[in-house]
Amino acid sequence: MSTIYKIMSEAEWVKAKADGEFAGAEIDLADGYIHFSTAQQVRETAAKHFANRADLVLLSVNSDGLGAAIKWEPSRGGDLFPHLYGNLIVGDVALVDALPLSESGEHVFPEHVAR
């Protein structure tokens, strides 16, 4: 099993739960796919795209369950990032964690997200 991660606002998650699926945040919709990160990438993603945001949640998703809709494509620094071409079904989300800020302003990740 390969766990991938999606950072989003709590409000986006509440809406996704109500809708049963998530079509993507503004950047996802503009790019044509939903951006995900691996455990090794997600901290940099948080710092780069979500700095100083305390209203976030971290979704853990088993990429194996997404089938052909998940593509691993080069992005930042040539690393392969998981991109979902289609909506994320709420039932595919294995775990949702709060992503608070520390006193120093960095996001505090749950222990289960290995570096």
N, C-alpha and C. Protein backbone atom coordinates (compact mmCIF):
# COMPACT_ATOMS: atom_id res chain seq x y z
N MET A 1 0.84 -1.18 0.00
CA MET A 1 0.00 0.00 0.00
C MET A 1 0.89 1.25 0.00
N SER A 2 0.52 2.22 -0.81
CA SER A 2 1.23 3.48 -0.89
C SER A 2 0.30 4.60 -0.43
N THR A 3 0.63 5.22 0.70
CA THR A 3 -0.20 6.30 1.20
C THR A 3 0.28 7.62 0.62
N ILE A 4 -0.68 8.39 0.10
CA ILE A 4 -0.41 9.73 -0.39
C ILE A 4 -1.25 10.71 0.40
N TYR A 5 -0.90 11.99 0.31
CA TYR A 5 -1.50 12.98 1.19
C TYR A 5 -2.02 14.18 0.41
N LYS A 6 -3.15 14.69 0.87
CA LYS A 6 -3.76 15.90 0.31
C LYS A 6 -3.99 16.88 1.44
N ILE A 7 -3.50 18.09 1.27
CA ILE A 7 -3.74 19.16 2.23
C ILE A 7 -4.88 20.02 1.69
N MET A 8 -5.84 20.31 2.56
CA MET A 8 -6.94 21.18 2.16
C MET A 8 -7.47 21.91 3.39
N SER A 9 -8.29 22.91 3.14
CA SER A 9 -8.90 23.63 4.27
C SER A 9 -9.97 22.76 4.92
N GLU A 10 -10.24 23.04 6.17
CA GLU A 10 -11.33 22.33 6.86
C GLU A 10 -12.65 22.55 6.14
N ALA A 11 -12.88 23.76 5.64
CA ALA A 11 -14.12 24.07 4.93
C ALA A 11 -14.25 23.23 3.66
N GLU A 12 -13.15 23.04 2.94
CA GLU A 12 -13.19 22.19 1.74
C GLU A 12 -13.52 20.75 2.11
N TRP A 13 -12.98 20.27 3.24
CA TRP A 13 -13.25 18.91 3.67
C TRP A 13 -14.72 18.75 4.09
N VAL A 14 -15.25 19.72 4.80
CA VAL A 14 -16.66 19.67 5.20
C VAL A 14 -17.55 19.59 3.96
N LYS A 15 -17.24 20.41 2.95
CA LYS A 15 -18.02 20.39 1.71
C LYS A 15 -17.87 19.06 0.99
N ALA A 16 -16.65 18.53 0.93
CA ALA A 16 -16.41 17.25 0.27
C ALA A 16 -17.21 16.14 0.95
N LYS A 17 -17.23 16.13 2.27
CA LYS A 17 -18.00 15.11 2.99
C LYS A 17 -19.48 15.23 2.66
N ALA A 18 -19.98 16.45 2.61
CA ALA A 18 -21.40 16.66 2.29
C ALA A 18 -21.71 16.22 0.86
N ASP A 19 -20.78 16.47 -0.06
CA ASP A 19 -20.97 16.11 -1.48
C ASP A 19 -20.65 14.65 -1.77
N GLY A 20 -19.86 14.03 -0.90
CA GLY A 20 -19.43 12.65 -1.13
C GLY A 20 -18.18 12.55 -2.00
N GLU A 21 -17.69 13.71 -2.47
CA GLU A 21 -16.49 13.72 -3.30
C GLU A 21 -15.89 15.12 -3.31
N PHE A 22 -14.64 15.18 -3.76
CA PHE A 22 -13.90 16.43 -3.83
C PHE A 22 -13.39 16.59 -5.25
N ALA A 23 -13.82 17.66 -5.91
CA ALA A 23 -13.41 17.91 -7.30
C ALA A 23 -12.07 18.63 -7.37
N GLY A 24 -11.64 19.22 -6.27
CA GLY A 24 -10.35 19.89 -6.24
C GLY A 24 -10.45 21.31 -5.74
N ALA A 25 -9.32 21.79 -5.25
CA ALA A 25 -9.18 23.19 -4.85
C ALA A 25 -8.96 24.02 -6.11
N GLU A 26 -8.89 25.31 -5.96
CA GLU A 26 -8.74 26.21 -7.11
C GLU A 26 -7.54 25.82 -7.98
N ILE A 27 -6.40 25.54 -7.37
CA ILE A 27 -5.21 25.17 -8.14
C ILE A 27 -5.40 23.83 -8.85
N ASP A 28 -6.08 22.90 -8.19
CA ASP A 28 -6.34 21.59 -8.81
C ASP A 28 -7.21 21.76 -10.05
N LEU A 29 -8.26 22.54 -9.91
CA LEU A 29 -9.18 22.76 -11.03
C LEU A 29 -8.46 23.45 -12.19
N ALA A 30 -7.59 24.40 -11.88
CA ALA A 30 -6.84 25.10 -12.92
C ALA A 30 -5.87 24.16 -13.64
N ASP A 31 -5.26 23.22 -12.90
CA ASP A 31 -4.28 22.31 -13.49
C ASP A 31 -4.90 21.07 -14.12
N GLY A 32 -6.16 20.78 -13.79
CA GLY A 32 -6.83 19.64 -14.40
C GLY A 32 -6.66 18.32 -13.66
N TYR A 33 -6.11 18.38 -12.46
CA TYR A 33 -5.95 17.17 -11.64
C TYR A 33 -5.82 17.60 -10.18
N ILE A 34 -6.03 16.66 -9.27
CA ILE A 34 -5.89 16.94 -7.84
C ILE A 34 -4.46 16.61 -7.42
N HIS A 35 -3.81 17.61 -6.84
CA HIS A 35 -2.43 17.47 -6.37
C HIS A 35 -2.37 16.67 -5.07
N PHE A 36 -1.48 15.71 -5.03
CA PHE A 36 -1.17 14.96 -3.81
C PHE A 36 0.33 15.02 -3.59
N SER A 37 0.77 14.60 -2.43
CA SER A 37 2.19 14.50 -2.10
C SER A 37 2.46 13.18 -1.40
N THR A 38 3.70 12.73 -1.48
CA THR A 38 4.13 11.58 -0.70
C THR A 38 4.51 12.06 0.70
N ALA A 39 4.82 11.13 1.58
CA ALA A 39 5.24 11.49 2.93
C ALA A 39 6.53 12.32 2.89
N GLN A 40 7.40 12.03 1.95
CA GLN A 40 8.66 12.76 1.83
C GLN A 40 8.46 14.17 1.24
N GLN A 41 7.35 14.41 0.57
CA GLN A 41 7.11 15.69 -0.10
C GLN A 41 6.15 16.61 0.65
N VAL A 42 5.31 16.06 1.50
CA VAL A 42 4.17 16.80 2.03
C VAL A 42 4.57 17.97 2.93
N ARG A 43 5.65 17.87 3.66
CA ARG A 43 6.07 18.98 4.51
C ARG A 43 6.48 20.19 3.67
N GLU A 44 7.22 19.94 2.60
CA GLU A 44 7.61 21.04 1.70
C GLU A 44 6.39 21.62 1.00
N THR A 45 5.44 20.76 0.63
CA THR A 45 4.20 21.25 0.02
C THR A 45 3.48 22.18 0.99
N ALA A 46 3.39 21.79 2.25
CA ALA A 46 2.73 22.63 3.26
C ALA A 46 3.43 23.97 3.40
N ALA A 47 4.75 23.95 3.49
CA ALA A 47 5.51 25.18 3.67
C ALA A 47 5.40 26.09 2.44
N LYS A 48 5.42 25.49 1.26
CA LYS A 48 5.42 26.28 0.02
C LYS A 48 4.04 26.83 -0.33
N HIS A 49 3.02 26.03 -0.17
CA HIS A 49 1.69 26.41 -0.66
C HIS A 49 0.67 26.77 0.43
N PHE A 50 0.98 26.45 1.70
CA PHE A 50 0.02 26.66 2.77
C PHE A 50 0.63 27.36 3.99
N ALA A 51 1.68 28.14 3.77
CA ALA A 51 2.38 28.81 4.87
C ALA A 51 1.40 29.66 5.69
N ASN A 52 1.55 29.57 6.99
CA ASN A 52 0.78 30.36 7.97
C ASN A 52 -0.71 30.06 7.98
N ARG A 53 -1.14 28.97 7.36
CA ARG A 53 -2.56 28.61 7.37
C ARG A 53 -2.81 27.59 8.46
N ALA A 54 -3.69 27.93 9.37
CA ALA A 54 -3.99 27.06 10.51
C ALA A 54 -5.32 26.33 10.34
N ASP A 55 -6.02 26.58 9.24
CA ASP A 55 -7.36 26.00 9.03
C ASP A 55 -7.31 24.75 8.15
N LEU A 56 -6.26 23.95 8.29
CA LEU A 56 -6.02 22.86 7.36
C LEU A 56 -6.25 21.48 7.96
N VAL A 57 -6.54 20.54 7.05
CA VAL A 57 -6.57 19.12 7.39
C VAL A 57 -5.67 18.38 6.41
N LEU A 58 -5.22 17.23 6.84
CA LEU A 58 -4.38 16.37 6.04
C LEU A 58 -5.12 15.07 5.78
N LEU A 59 -5.38 14.78 4.51
CA LEU A 59 -6.05 13.54 4.14
C LEU A 59 -5.00 12.49 3.80
N SER A 60 -5.19 11.28 4.30
CA SER A 60 -4.35 10.14 3.94
C SER A 60 -5.17 9.23 3.04
N VAL A 61 -4.61 8.89 1.89
CA VAL A 61 -5.33 8.11 0.88
C VAL A 61 -4.42 6.99 0.39
N ASN A 62 -4.97 5.79 0.23
CA ASN A 62 -4.24 4.68 -0.35
C ASN A 62 -4.25 4.85 -1.87
N SER A 63 -3.10 5.16 -2.44
CA SER A 63 -3.04 5.41 -3.88
C SER A 63 -3.37 4.17 -4.70
N ASP A 64 -3.12 2.99 -4.15
CA ASP A 64 -3.42 1.75 -4.88
C ASP A 64 -4.90 1.62 -5.19
N GLY A 65 -5.75 2.18 -4.33
CA GLY A 65 -7.19 2.09 -4.52
C GLY A 65 -7.75 3.07 -5.54
N LEU A 66 -6.91 3.96 -6.05
CA LEU A 66 -7.38 4.96 -7.01
C LEU A 66 -7.27 4.51 -8.46
N GLY A 67 -6.64 3.37 -8.66
CA GLY A 67 -6.58 2.78 -10.00
C GLY A 67 -5.84 3.64 -11.01
N ALA A 68 -6.33 3.60 -12.24
CA ALA A 68 -5.68 4.29 -13.36
C ALA A 68 -5.81 5.80 -13.28
N ALA A 69 -6.66 6.30 -12.39
CA ALA A 69 -6.87 7.75 -12.28
C ALA A 69 -5.67 8.45 -11.63
N ILE A 70 -4.80 7.69 -10.96
CA ILE A 70 -3.63 8.29 -10.32
C ILE A 70 -2.44 8.15 -11.26
N LYS A 71 -1.77 9.27 -11.48
CA LYS A 71 -0.58 9.30 -12.35
C LYS A 71 0.56 9.90 -11.55
N TRP A 72 1.74 9.33 -11.72
CA TRP A 72 2.93 9.84 -11.05
C TRP A 72 3.70 10.65 -12.08
N GLU A 73 3.76 11.98 -11.86
CA GLU A 73 4.33 12.87 -12.86
C GLU A 73 5.39 13.78 -12.25
N PRO A 74 6.40 14.13 -13.05
CA PRO A 74 7.45 15.01 -12.53
C PRO A 74 6.92 16.40 -12.23
N SER A 75 7.41 16.95 -11.14
CA SER A 75 7.04 18.30 -10.74
C SER A 75 8.24 18.92 -10.05
N ARG A 76 8.03 19.55 -8.93
CA ARG A 76 9.07 20.27 -8.19
C ARG A 76 10.38 19.49 -8.13
N GLY A 77 11.42 20.04 -8.72
CA GLY A 77 12.74 19.41 -8.66
C GLY A 77 12.84 18.11 -9.42
N GLY A 78 11.88 17.82 -10.28
CA GLY A 78 11.90 16.57 -11.03
C GLY A 78 11.35 15.37 -10.27
N ASP A 79 10.96 15.57 -9.00
CA ASP A 79 10.36 14.48 -8.22
C ASP A 79 9.04 14.07 -8.85
N LEU A 80 8.72 12.79 -8.72
CA LEU A 80 7.42 12.31 -9.18
C LEU A 80 6.38 12.58 -8.10
N PHE A 81 5.33 13.28 -8.49
CA PHE A 81 4.23 13.58 -7.58
C PHE A 81 2.98 12.86 -8.04
N PRO A 82 2.16 12.39 -7.09
CA PRO A 82 0.90 11.75 -7.46
C PRO A 82 -0.17 12.79 -7.81
N HIS A 83 -0.78 12.61 -8.98
CA HIS A 83 -1.85 13.49 -9.44
C HIS A 83 -3.07 12.64 -9.74
N LEU A 84 -4.21 13.05 -9.23
CA LEU A 84 -5.45 12.31 -9.43
C LEU A 84 -6.26 12.99 -10.54
N TYR A 85 -6.48 12.26 -11.62
CA TYR A 85 -7.28 12.76 -12.73
C TYR A 85 -8.71 12.26 -12.54
N GLY A 86 -9.47 13.03 -11.81
CA GLY A 86 -10.84 12.70 -11.47
C GLY A 86 -11.11 13.20 -10.07
N ASN A 87 -12.32 13.02 -9.62
CA ASN A 87 -12.69 13.46 -8.28
C ASN A 87 -12.21 12.47 -7.24
N LEU A 88 -11.91 12.98 -6.06
CA LEU A 88 -11.57 12.14 -4.92
C LEU A 88 -12.86 11.77 -4.21
N ILE A 89 -13.15 10.50 -4.15
CA ILE A 89 -14.35 10.00 -3.46
C ILE A 89 -14.04 9.96 -1.96
N VAL A 90 -14.92 10.52 -1.16
CA VAL A 90 -14.71 10.60 0.28
C VAL A 90 -14.42 9.22 0.88
N GLY A 91 -15.06 8.19 0.37
CA GLY A 91 -14.83 6.84 0.87
C GLY A 91 -13.43 6.33 0.63
N ASP A 92 -12.66 6.97 -0.26
CA ASP A 92 -11.27 6.57 -0.52
C ASP A 92 -10.30 7.18 0.48
N VAL A 93 -10.79 8.09 1.32
CA VAL A 93 -9.93 8.73 2.31
C VAL A 93 -9.84 7.83 3.54
N ALA A 94 -8.62 7.42 3.87
CA ALA A 94 -8.41 6.50 4.99
C ALA A 94 -8.39 7.21 6.33
N LEU A 95 -7.86 8.43 6.35
CA LEU A 95 -7.66 9.12 7.62
C LEU A 95 -7.65 10.63 7.36
N VAL A 96 -8.20 11.38 8.30
CA VAL A 96 -8.18 12.84 8.24
C VAL A 96 -7.62 13.35 9.56
N ASP A 97 -6.56 14.15 9.47
CA ASP A 97 -5.93 14.73 10.66
C ASP A 97 -5.92 16.25 10.56
N ALA A 98 -6.03 16.91 11.70
CA ALA A 98 -5.83 18.35 11.74
C ALA A 98 -4.36 18.63 11.42
N LEU A 99 -4.08 19.79 10.85
CA LEU A 99 -2.72 20.19 10.52
C LEU A 99 -2.45 21.57 11.13
N PRO A 100 -2.29 21.60 12.46
CA PRO A 100 -2.13 22.88 13.15
C PRO A 100 -0.74 23.48 12.93
N LEU A 101 -0.61 24.72 13.36
CA LEU A 101 0.68 25.40 13.32
C LEU A 101 1.35 25.34 14.69
N SER A 102 2.66 25.19 14.67
CA SER A 102 3.42 25.25 15.92
C SER A 102 3.61 26.71 16.32
N GLU A 103 4.19 26.95 17.48
CA GLU A 103 4.46 28.32 17.92
C GLU A 103 5.41 29.03 16.97
N SER A 104 6.25 28.26 16.29
CA SER A 104 7.21 28.85 15.34
C SER A 104 6.60 29.05 13.95
N GLY A 105 5.34 28.63 13.79
CA GLY A 105 4.65 28.85 12.52
C GLY A 105 4.76 27.72 11.50
N GLU A 106 5.36 26.59 11.89
CA GLU A 106 5.45 25.43 11.00
C GLU A 106 4.29 24.50 11.27
N HIS A 107 3.87 23.78 10.25
CA HIS A 107 2.77 22.82 10.42
C HIS A 107 3.25 21.63 11.23
N VAL A 108 2.39 21.16 12.09
CA VAL A 108 2.69 20.01 12.94
C VAL A 108 1.98 18.80 12.33
N PHE A 109 2.78 17.87 11.83
CA PHE A 109 2.25 16.68 11.17
C PHE A 109 2.03 15.56 12.17
N PRO A 110 1.03 14.73 11.93
CA PRO A 110 0.79 13.58 12.81
C PRO A 110 1.98 12.61 12.76
N GLU A 111 2.17 11.89 13.82
CA GLU A 111 3.30 10.96 13.92
C GLU A 111 3.29 9.88 12.85
N HIS A 112 2.10 9.51 12.35
CA HIS A 112 2.05 8.42 11.37
C HIS A 112 2.57 8.83 10.00
N VAL A 113 2.83 10.12 9.78
CA VAL A 113 3.37 10.57 8.50
C VAL A 113 4.90 10.53 8.60
N ALA A 114 5.47 9.45 8.07
CA ALA A 114 6.91 9.26 8.13
C ALA A 114 7.63 10.29 7.27
N ARG A 115 8.81 10.62 7.66
CA ARG A 115 9.62 11.56 6.86
C ARG A 115 10.25 10.86 5.70
